[in-house]
């Protein structure tokens, strides 16, 4: 699996509040998924609003991101309690886009903030394998403060379970 691109077999869900997103993430962990399987996207404002003051999340270190001239930060291990969306593995803030991405696709977004313009977030998402229409819908949700979680089901049973959460994002790929 190419971890810098969205999988064609993924299930994407949008969550309108942090409680729903955290419950979903907790259930994914219970199903045996981990930081290497779950991608989370949200705006920097959403992350700051819901996770910066969460007592269960402890920022354990930041390192300057090298390459691509982004000046972004990778949160080396933003972690603590399983189930906190902001605790997923590597978290990347893309300055200029106001986008926070956590999980296996974070590395693929490393250069996205360089020379960011209004359409840059759509460009970053299409470069990660989404169609323009899907990327536009993702951007709209992110800008509205929603949390998007994407995961590739391990089996048919997981597909059914995972599909029952949140709202569908652009159901026709």
N, C-alpha and C. Protein backbone atom coordinates (compact mmCIF):
# COMPACT_ATOMS: atom_id res chain seq x y z
N UNK A 1 0.84 -1.19 0.00
CA UNK A 1 0.00 0.00 0.00
C UNK A 1 0.88 1.25 0.00
N UNK A 2 0.57 2.20 -0.86
CA UNK A 2 1.28 3.46 -0.93
C UNK A 2 0.75 4.37 0.18
N UNK A 3 1.57 4.64 1.17
CA UNK A 3 1.10 5.40 2.32
C UNK A 3 1.13 6.91 2.12
N UNK A 4 1.50 7.36 0.91
CA UNK A 4 1.43 8.80 0.65
C UNK A 4 0.22 9.14 -0.22
N UNK A 5 -0.60 8.15 -0.51
CA UNK A 5 -1.82 8.33 -1.31
C UNK A 5 -3.01 7.69 -0.59
N UNK A 6 -4.16 8.27 -0.82
CA UNK A 6 -5.38 7.66 -0.30
C UNK A 6 -5.63 6.35 -1.02
N UNK A 7 -5.99 5.32 -0.29
CA UNK A 7 -6.30 4.02 -0.87
C UNK A 7 -7.66 4.08 -1.56
N UNK A 8 -7.79 3.37 -2.67
CA UNK A 8 -9.07 3.28 -3.34
C UNK A 8 -10.08 2.49 -2.52
N UNK A 9 -9.61 1.68 -1.59
CA UNK A 9 -10.49 0.83 -0.78
C UNK A 9 -10.85 1.45 0.57
N UNK A 10 -10.48 2.68 0.76
CA UNK A 10 -10.69 3.34 2.05
C UNK A 10 -12.17 3.64 2.29
N UNK A 11 -12.47 3.88 3.54
CA UNK A 11 -13.77 4.42 3.93
C UNK A 11 -13.48 5.74 4.61
N UNK A 12 -14.09 6.79 4.10
CA UNK A 12 -13.92 8.14 4.63
C UNK A 12 -15.21 8.54 5.34
N UNK A 13 -15.05 9.15 6.49
CA UNK A 13 -16.21 9.62 7.25
C UNK A 13 -15.93 11.02 7.75
N UNK A 14 -16.99 11.80 7.85
CA UNK A 14 -16.88 13.15 8.39
C UNK A 14 -17.65 13.18 9.71
N UNK A 15 -17.05 13.87 10.67
CA UNK A 15 -17.64 14.00 12.00
C UNK A 15 -17.84 15.47 12.33
N UNK A 16 -19.02 15.76 12.87
CA UNK A 16 -19.41 17.14 13.15
C UNK A 16 -19.00 17.60 14.53
N UNK A 17 -18.57 16.67 15.37
CA UNK A 17 -18.10 17.07 16.69
C UNK A 17 -17.01 16.11 17.15
N UNK A 18 -16.26 16.59 18.11
CA UNK A 18 -15.09 15.86 18.59
C UNK A 18 -15.49 14.56 19.31
N UNK A 19 -16.63 14.55 19.97
CA UNK A 19 -17.05 13.34 20.68
C UNK A 19 -17.29 12.18 19.71
N UNK A 20 -17.96 12.48 18.59
CA UNK A 20 -18.19 11.44 17.58
C UNK A 20 -16.88 10.95 16.98
N UNK A 21 -16.00 11.87 16.67
CA UNK A 21 -14.71 11.50 16.08
C UNK A 21 -13.89 10.65 17.05
N UNK A 22 -13.87 11.04 18.32
CA UNK A 22 -13.11 10.28 19.31
C UNK A 22 -13.69 8.89 19.50
N UNK A 23 -15.02 8.78 19.52
CA UNK A 23 -15.66 7.47 19.69
C UNK A 23 -15.31 6.56 18.51
N UNK A 24 -15.35 7.11 17.31
CA UNK A 24 -15.00 6.35 16.12
C UNK A 24 -13.55 5.89 16.18
N UNK A 25 -12.66 6.81 16.53
CA UNK A 25 -11.25 6.46 16.63
C UNK A 25 -11.04 5.36 17.68
N UNK A 26 -11.68 5.50 18.82
CA UNK A 26 -11.58 4.46 19.87
C UNK A 26 -12.01 3.10 19.32
N UNK A 27 -13.12 3.08 18.58
CA UNK A 27 -13.61 1.82 18.04
C UNK A 27 -12.67 1.25 16.99
N UNK A 28 -12.04 2.12 16.21
CA UNK A 28 -11.04 1.63 15.25
C UNK A 28 -9.87 0.98 15.98
N UNK A 29 -9.43 1.59 17.06
CA UNK A 29 -8.35 1.00 17.87
C UNK A 29 -8.80 -0.36 18.41
N UNK A 30 -10.03 -0.43 18.91
CA UNK A 30 -10.56 -1.69 19.44
C UNK A 30 -10.63 -2.79 18.37
N UNK A 31 -10.81 -2.37 17.10
CA UNK A 31 -10.85 -3.33 16.00
C UNK A 31 -9.45 -3.76 15.56
N UNK A 32 -8.42 -3.15 16.15
CA UNK A 32 -7.06 -3.55 15.83
C UNK A 32 -6.31 -2.61 14.90
N UNK A 33 -6.90 -1.46 14.60
CA UNK A 33 -6.20 -0.47 13.78
C UNK A 33 -5.26 0.33 14.68
N UNK A 34 -4.29 0.99 14.06
CA UNK A 34 -3.36 1.80 14.84
C UNK A 34 -3.02 3.07 14.06
N UNK A 35 -2.07 3.82 14.57
CA UNK A 35 -1.68 5.09 13.96
C UNK A 35 -1.23 4.96 12.51
N UNK A 36 -0.77 3.79 12.13
CA UNK A 36 -0.31 3.56 10.77
C UNK A 36 -1.45 3.27 9.80
N UNK A 37 -2.67 3.12 10.31
CA UNK A 37 -3.81 2.77 9.47
C UNK A 37 -4.86 3.88 9.36
N UNK A 38 -4.80 4.86 10.24
CA UNK A 38 -5.87 5.85 10.35
C UNK A 38 -5.34 7.22 9.94
N UNK A 39 -6.03 7.85 8.99
CA UNK A 39 -5.68 9.21 8.58
C UNK A 39 -6.77 10.15 9.07
N UNK A 40 -6.35 11.25 9.66
CA UNK A 40 -7.29 12.26 10.17
C UNK A 40 -6.93 13.60 9.55
N UNK A 41 -7.93 14.31 9.09
CA UNK A 41 -7.75 15.66 8.56
C UNK A 41 -8.69 16.61 9.28
N UNK A 42 -8.17 17.79 9.58
CA UNK A 42 -8.98 18.84 10.19
C UNK A 42 -8.25 20.15 10.01
N UNK A 43 -8.94 21.23 10.26
CA UNK A 43 -8.28 22.54 10.19
C UNK A 43 -7.46 22.75 11.45
N UNK A 44 -6.50 23.64 11.35
CA UNK A 44 -5.72 24.00 12.53
C UNK A 44 -6.63 24.57 13.60
N UNK A 45 -7.62 25.36 13.20
CA UNK A 45 -8.55 25.95 14.16
C UNK A 45 -9.33 24.87 14.91
N UNK A 46 -9.76 23.84 14.19
CA UNK A 46 -10.49 22.74 14.83
C UNK A 46 -9.58 22.02 15.82
N UNK A 47 -8.35 21.74 15.41
CA UNK A 47 -7.41 21.08 16.31
C UNK A 47 -7.18 21.93 17.55
N UNK A 48 -6.94 23.23 17.35
CA UNK A 48 -6.71 24.12 18.49
C UNK A 48 -7.93 24.20 19.40
N UNK A 49 -9.09 24.27 18.80
CA UNK A 49 -10.33 24.40 19.58
C UNK A 49 -10.62 23.16 20.42
N UNK A 50 -10.50 22.00 19.80
CA UNK A 50 -10.91 20.78 20.49
C UNK A 50 -9.80 20.02 21.18
N UNK A 51 -8.57 20.18 20.72
CA UNK A 51 -7.51 19.34 21.24
C UNK A 51 -6.41 20.06 21.99
N UNK A 52 -6.22 21.33 21.75
CA UNK A 52 -5.12 22.05 22.42
C UNK A 52 -5.32 22.13 23.91
N UNK A 53 -6.56 22.19 24.36
CA UNK A 53 -6.84 22.32 25.79
C UNK A 53 -7.31 21.00 26.41
N UNK A 54 -7.27 19.93 25.65
CA UNK A 54 -7.69 18.64 26.16
C UNK A 54 -6.62 18.12 27.11
N UNK A 55 -6.97 17.89 28.39
CA UNK A 55 -5.97 17.46 29.37
C UNK A 55 -5.37 16.08 29.08
N UNK A 56 -6.00 15.32 28.20
CA UNK A 56 -5.50 13.98 27.90
C UNK A 56 -4.44 13.98 26.81
N UNK A 57 -4.25 15.12 26.19
CA UNK A 57 -3.29 15.18 25.09
C UNK A 57 -2.07 15.95 25.55
N UNK A 58 -0.93 15.33 25.40
CA UNK A 58 0.31 15.97 25.80
C UNK A 58 1.22 16.05 24.60
N UNK A 59 1.60 17.22 24.26
CA UNK A 59 2.51 17.39 23.13
C UNK A 59 3.91 17.07 23.63
N UNK A 60 4.51 16.06 23.05
CA UNK A 60 5.80 15.60 23.57
C UNK A 60 6.98 16.06 22.74
N UNK A 61 6.73 16.78 21.66
CA UNK A 61 7.87 17.29 20.92
C UNK A 61 7.52 17.69 19.51
N UNK A 62 8.21 18.70 19.02
CA UNK A 62 8.06 19.15 17.64
C UNK A 62 9.44 19.19 17.01
N UNK A 63 9.50 18.91 15.74
CA UNK A 63 10.76 19.02 15.01
C UNK A 63 10.47 19.75 13.72
N UNK A 64 11.37 20.59 13.31
CA UNK A 64 11.17 21.32 12.06
C UNK A 64 11.16 20.32 10.91
N UNK A 65 10.24 20.49 10.04
CA UNK A 65 10.14 19.63 8.88
C UNK A 65 11.18 20.05 7.85
N UNK A 66 11.97 19.09 7.42
CA UNK A 66 13.02 19.36 6.44
C UNK A 66 12.48 19.16 5.03
N UNK A 67 12.96 19.94 4.10
CA UNK A 67 12.61 19.75 2.70
C UNK A 67 11.36 20.49 2.30
N UNK A 68 11.22 20.68 1.04
CA UNK A 68 10.05 21.28 0.40
C UNK A 68 9.77 22.70 0.86
N UNK A 69 10.65 23.29 1.68
CA UNK A 69 10.49 24.68 2.07
C UNK A 69 9.20 24.98 2.80
N UNK A 70 8.66 24.03 3.53
CA UNK A 70 7.34 24.25 4.12
C UNK A 70 7.41 25.02 5.42
N UNK A 71 8.46 24.81 6.19
CA UNK A 71 8.49 25.42 7.51
C UNK A 71 7.43 24.83 8.40
N UNK A 72 6.86 23.71 8.01
CA UNK A 72 5.81 23.07 8.80
C UNK A 72 6.41 22.39 10.01
N UNK A 73 5.56 21.89 10.85
CA UNK A 73 6.01 21.16 12.02
C UNK A 73 5.42 19.77 12.02
N UNK A 74 6.26 18.83 12.38
CA UNK A 74 5.76 17.49 12.61
C UNK A 74 5.75 17.30 14.11
N UNK A 75 4.62 16.98 14.65
CA UNK A 75 4.52 16.69 16.08
C UNK A 75 5.04 15.27 16.26
N UNK A 76 6.29 15.13 16.68
CA UNK A 76 6.96 13.85 16.73
C UNK A 76 6.13 12.77 17.36
N UNK A 77 5.55 13.04 18.46
CA UNK A 77 4.63 12.10 19.06
C UNK A 77 3.62 12.91 19.83
N UNK A 78 2.53 13.20 19.19
CA UNK A 78 1.45 13.88 19.90
C UNK A 78 0.61 12.74 20.42
N UNK A 79 0.62 12.55 21.71
CA UNK A 79 -0.07 11.36 22.14
C UNK A 79 -0.53 11.40 23.56
N UNK A 80 -1.10 10.37 23.97
CA UNK A 80 -1.53 10.13 25.33
C UNK A 80 -2.60 9.07 25.26
N UNK A 81 -3.83 9.46 25.39
CA UNK A 81 -4.94 8.54 25.48
C UNK A 81 -5.34 8.06 24.09
N UNK A 82 -5.42 6.73 23.92
CA UNK A 82 -5.93 6.20 22.66
C UNK A 82 -7.35 6.70 22.50
N UNK A 83 -7.68 7.14 21.33
CA UNK A 83 -9.01 7.66 21.08
C UNK A 83 -9.04 9.15 20.89
N UNK A 84 -7.99 9.83 21.30
CA UNK A 84 -7.92 11.27 21.05
C UNK A 84 -7.41 11.43 19.63
N UNK A 85 -8.20 12.00 18.77
CA UNK A 85 -7.84 12.08 17.36
C UNK A 85 -6.49 12.75 17.17
N UNK A 86 -6.18 13.72 17.97
CA UNK A 86 -4.90 14.41 17.83
C UNK A 86 -3.72 13.56 18.24
N UNK A 87 -3.95 12.39 18.78
CA UNK A 87 -2.87 11.53 19.24
C UNK A 87 -2.37 10.58 18.17
N UNK A 88 -2.85 10.72 16.96
CA UNK A 88 -2.48 9.78 15.92
C UNK A 88 -1.07 10.06 15.42
N UNK A 89 -0.16 9.16 15.71
CA UNK A 89 1.19 9.15 15.17
C UNK A 89 1.79 10.50 14.86
N UNK A 90 2.18 10.67 13.64
CA UNK A 90 2.78 11.91 13.19
C UNK A 90 1.67 12.86 12.77
N UNK A 91 1.74 14.06 13.27
CA UNK A 91 0.75 15.07 12.93
C UNK A 91 1.48 16.21 12.23
N UNK A 92 0.97 16.61 11.07
CA UNK A 92 1.62 17.62 10.27
C UNK A 92 0.72 18.83 10.13
N UNK A 93 1.22 19.99 10.51
CA UNK A 93 0.54 21.25 10.27
C UNK A 93 1.11 21.82 8.99
N UNK A 94 0.24 22.11 8.05
CA UNK A 94 0.69 22.69 6.80
C UNK A 94 0.37 24.18 6.83
N UNK A 95 1.39 25.00 7.14
CA UNK A 95 1.16 26.43 7.21
C UNK A 95 0.73 26.96 5.85
N UNK A 96 -0.04 28.00 5.84
CA UNK A 96 -0.55 28.56 4.60
C UNK A 96 -1.84 27.89 4.17
N UNK A 97 -2.04 26.64 4.57
CA UNK A 97 -3.28 25.94 4.27
C UNK A 97 -4.17 25.86 5.51
N UNK A 98 -3.56 25.91 6.69
CA UNK A 98 -4.33 25.74 7.91
C UNK A 98 -4.85 24.33 8.06
N UNK A 99 -4.17 23.37 7.44
CA UNK A 99 -4.58 21.98 7.43
C UNK A 99 -3.71 21.18 8.39
N UNK A 100 -4.35 20.33 9.18
CA UNK A 100 -3.64 19.40 10.04
C UNK A 100 -3.99 18.01 9.54
N UNK A 101 -2.97 17.22 9.27
CA UNK A 101 -3.19 15.84 8.85
C UNK A 101 -2.37 14.94 9.76
N UNK A 102 -2.99 13.88 10.22
CA UNK A 102 -2.33 12.93 11.09
C UNK A 102 -2.50 11.54 10.51
N UNK A 103 -1.49 10.72 10.69
CA UNK A 103 -1.57 9.34 10.23
C UNK A 103 -0.62 9.07 9.09
N UNK A 104 -0.87 7.97 8.39
CA UNK A 104 0.09 7.51 7.40
C UNK A 104 0.27 8.44 6.20
N UNK A 105 -0.69 9.29 5.90
CA UNK A 105 -0.57 10.16 4.74
C UNK A 105 0.15 11.47 5.02
N UNK A 106 0.50 11.73 6.27
CA UNK A 106 1.11 13.01 6.63
C UNK A 106 2.36 13.31 5.81
N UNK A 107 3.20 12.32 5.59
CA UNK A 107 4.44 12.54 4.84
C UNK A 107 4.17 12.99 3.41
N UNK A 108 3.10 12.50 2.83
CA UNK A 108 2.76 12.86 1.47
C UNK A 108 2.32 14.31 1.32
N UNK A 109 1.99 14.95 2.42
CA UNK A 109 1.54 16.33 2.39
C UNK A 109 2.66 17.30 2.75
N UNK A 110 3.86 16.81 2.94
CA UNK A 110 4.96 17.62 3.48
C UNK A 110 5.22 18.90 2.70
N UNK A 111 5.16 18.87 1.39
CA UNK A 111 5.47 20.06 0.60
C UNK A 111 4.26 20.89 0.23
N UNK A 112 3.09 20.53 0.70
CA UNK A 112 1.86 21.17 0.24
C UNK A 112 1.72 22.62 0.62
N UNK A 113 2.36 23.07 1.68
CA UNK A 113 2.15 24.44 2.13
C UNK A 113 3.01 25.46 1.42
N UNK A 114 4.03 25.01 0.71
CA UNK A 114 4.93 25.94 0.04
C UNK A 114 4.17 26.71 -1.03
N UNK A 115 4.21 28.04 -0.94
CA UNK A 115 3.54 28.88 -1.93
C UNK A 115 2.05 28.68 -1.96
N UNK A 116 1.46 28.40 -0.81
CA UNK A 116 0.03 28.10 -0.75
C UNK A 116 -0.82 29.24 -1.29
N UNK A 117 -1.86 28.84 -2.02
CA UNK A 117 -2.84 29.79 -2.53
C UNK A 117 -4.21 29.26 -2.17
N UNK A 118 -5.24 29.95 -2.60
CA UNK A 118 -6.60 29.53 -2.27
C UNK A 118 -6.93 28.10 -2.65
N UNK A 119 -6.42 27.63 -3.79
CA UNK A 119 -6.71 26.28 -4.24
C UNK A 119 -5.69 25.26 -3.80
N UNK A 120 -4.76 25.67 -2.96
CA UNK A 120 -3.66 24.78 -2.58
C UNK A 120 -4.13 23.55 -1.82
N UNK A 121 -5.13 23.70 -0.97
CA UNK A 121 -5.59 22.55 -0.20
C UNK A 121 -6.19 21.50 -1.15
N UNK A 122 -6.90 21.97 -2.18
CA UNK A 122 -7.45 21.04 -3.16
C UNK A 122 -6.31 20.37 -3.92
N UNK A 123 -5.29 21.15 -4.27
CA UNK A 123 -4.13 20.58 -4.95
C UNK A 123 -3.42 19.53 -4.11
N UNK A 124 -3.28 19.81 -2.82
CA UNK A 124 -2.62 18.85 -1.92
C UNK A 124 -3.43 17.56 -1.84
N UNK A 125 -4.75 17.69 -1.77
CA UNK A 125 -5.60 16.50 -1.67
C UNK A 125 -5.64 15.72 -2.98
N UNK A 126 -5.65 16.41 -4.11
CA UNK A 126 -5.62 15.69 -5.39
C UNK A 126 -4.27 15.01 -5.59
N UNK A 127 -3.20 15.65 -5.15
CA UNK A 127 -1.88 15.01 -5.22
C UNK A 127 -1.82 13.77 -4.35
N UNK A 128 -2.67 13.70 -3.34
CA UNK A 128 -2.73 12.53 -2.46
C UNK A 128 -3.68 11.47 -2.99
N UNK A 129 -4.24 11.70 -4.19
CA UNK A 129 -5.03 10.66 -4.82
C UNK A 129 -6.52 10.88 -4.89
N UNK A 130 -7.01 12.01 -4.38
CA UNK A 130 -8.45 12.28 -4.45
C UNK A 130 -8.78 12.96 -5.77
N UNK A 131 -9.99 12.73 -6.25
CA UNK A 131 -10.44 13.46 -7.43
C UNK A 131 -10.68 14.92 -7.03
N UNK A 132 -10.76 15.79 -8.01
CA UNK A 132 -10.99 17.21 -7.73
C UNK A 132 -12.29 17.42 -6.97
N UNK A 133 -13.36 16.71 -7.37
CA UNK A 133 -14.65 16.85 -6.69
C UNK A 133 -14.58 16.41 -5.23
N UNK A 134 -13.93 15.29 -5.00
CA UNK A 134 -13.80 14.79 -3.62
C UNK A 134 -12.93 15.73 -2.81
N UNK A 135 -11.83 16.18 -3.39
CA UNK A 135 -10.94 17.12 -2.69
C UNK A 135 -11.68 18.41 -2.34
N UNK A 136 -12.53 18.88 -3.22
CA UNK A 136 -13.31 20.08 -2.95
C UNK A 136 -14.26 19.85 -1.78
N UNK A 137 -14.90 18.69 -1.75
CA UNK A 137 -15.80 18.39 -0.63
C UNK A 137 -15.02 18.29 0.68
N UNK A 138 -13.86 17.64 0.65
CA UNK A 138 -13.01 17.57 1.84
C UNK A 138 -12.68 18.97 2.33
N UNK A 139 -12.24 19.83 1.40
CA UNK A 139 -11.87 21.21 1.75
C UNK A 139 -13.04 21.93 2.41
N UNK A 140 -14.23 21.78 1.84
CA UNK A 140 -15.41 22.44 2.40
C UNK A 140 -15.70 21.98 3.83
N UNK A 141 -15.63 20.67 4.06
CA UNK A 141 -15.84 20.15 5.41
C UNK A 141 -14.77 20.65 6.38
N UNK A 142 -13.53 20.61 5.94
CA UNK A 142 -12.43 21.05 6.80
C UNK A 142 -12.60 22.52 7.17
N UNK A 143 -12.94 23.34 6.18
CA UNK A 143 -13.13 24.77 6.44
C UNK A 143 -14.31 25.05 7.37
N UNK A 144 -15.27 24.12 7.43
CA UNK A 144 -16.43 24.26 8.31
C UNK A 144 -16.17 23.69 9.70
N UNK A 145 -14.92 23.26 9.95
CA UNK A 145 -14.56 22.77 11.28
C UNK A 145 -14.87 21.30 11.53
N UNK A 146 -15.13 20.56 10.49
CA UNK A 146 -15.42 19.13 10.63
C UNK A 146 -14.11 18.34 10.69
N UNK A 147 -14.22 17.10 11.16
CA UNK A 147 -13.07 16.20 11.27
C UNK A 147 -13.32 15.03 10.31
N UNK A 148 -12.34 14.76 9.46
CA UNK A 148 -12.44 13.67 8.49
C UNK A 148 -11.49 12.57 8.92
N UNK A 149 -12.02 11.35 8.95
CA UNK A 149 -11.21 10.18 9.29
C UNK A 149 -11.33 9.18 8.16
N UNK A 150 -10.18 8.69 7.70
CA UNK A 150 -10.12 7.75 6.60
C UNK A 150 -9.34 6.51 7.04
N UNK A 151 -9.88 5.34 6.69
CA UNK A 151 -9.22 4.09 7.05
C UNK A 151 -9.57 3.04 5.99
N UNK A 152 -8.62 2.17 5.72
CA UNK A 152 -8.87 1.06 4.80
C UNK A 152 -9.26 -0.17 5.62
N UNK A 153 -10.49 -0.66 5.44
CA UNK A 153 -10.93 -1.83 6.22
C UNK A 153 -10.05 -3.04 5.97
N UNK A 154 -9.83 -3.82 7.04
CA UNK A 154 -8.99 -5.01 6.92
C UNK A 154 -9.77 -6.20 6.35
N UNK A 155 -11.10 -6.18 6.53
CA UNK A 155 -11.91 -7.28 6.04
C UNK A 155 -13.36 -6.81 5.86
N UNK A 156 -14.20 -7.71 5.36
CA UNK A 156 -15.60 -7.38 5.07
C UNK A 156 -16.38 -7.00 6.33
N UNK A 157 -16.14 -7.70 7.41
CA UNK A 157 -16.81 -7.39 8.67
C UNK A 157 -16.46 -5.98 9.14
N UNK A 158 -15.19 -5.63 9.06
CA UNK A 158 -14.76 -4.29 9.44
C UNK A 158 -15.38 -3.25 8.51
N UNK A 159 -15.49 -3.58 7.24
CA UNK A 159 -16.09 -2.66 6.28
C UNK A 159 -17.50 -2.29 6.72
N UNK A 160 -18.27 -3.28 7.11
CA UNK A 160 -19.64 -3.05 7.56
C UNK A 160 -19.67 -2.19 8.82
N UNK A 161 -18.82 -2.52 9.78
CA UNK A 161 -18.78 -1.77 11.04
C UNK A 161 -18.34 -0.33 10.81
N UNK A 162 -17.25 -0.16 10.09
CA UNK A 162 -16.68 1.16 9.85
C UNK A 162 -17.66 2.04 9.08
N UNK A 163 -18.40 1.43 8.16
CA UNK A 163 -19.35 2.18 7.33
C UNK A 163 -20.53 2.73 8.12
N UNK A 164 -20.73 2.24 9.32
CA UNK A 164 -21.91 2.66 10.09
C UNK A 164 -21.68 3.95 10.88
N UNK A 165 -20.50 4.50 10.84
CA UNK A 165 -20.16 5.70 11.61
C UNK A 165 -20.20 6.95 10.75
N UNK A 166 -20.42 8.07 11.42
CA UNK A 166 -20.29 9.38 10.79
C UNK A 166 -21.12 9.53 9.54
N UNK A 167 -20.82 10.58 8.81
CA UNK A 167 -21.49 10.87 7.55
C UNK A 167 -20.57 10.51 6.40
N UNK A 168 -21.17 10.06 5.32
CA UNK A 168 -20.42 9.69 4.13
C UNK A 168 -19.88 10.95 3.47
N UNK A 169 -18.67 10.87 2.99
CA UNK A 169 -18.08 11.95 2.19
C UNK A 169 -18.06 11.47 0.76
N UNK A 170 -18.65 12.22 -0.11
CA UNK A 170 -18.64 11.96 -1.53
C UNK A 170 -18.64 10.46 -1.81
N UNK A 171 -19.79 9.83 -1.70
CA UNK A 171 -19.85 8.36 -1.74
C UNK A 171 -19.46 7.69 -3.04
N UNK A 172 -19.39 8.44 -4.14
CA UNK A 172 -19.02 7.82 -5.42
C UNK A 172 -17.62 8.28 -5.78
N UNK A 173 -16.68 7.34 -5.72
CA UNK A 173 -15.30 7.66 -6.06
C UNK A 173 -15.08 7.32 -7.49
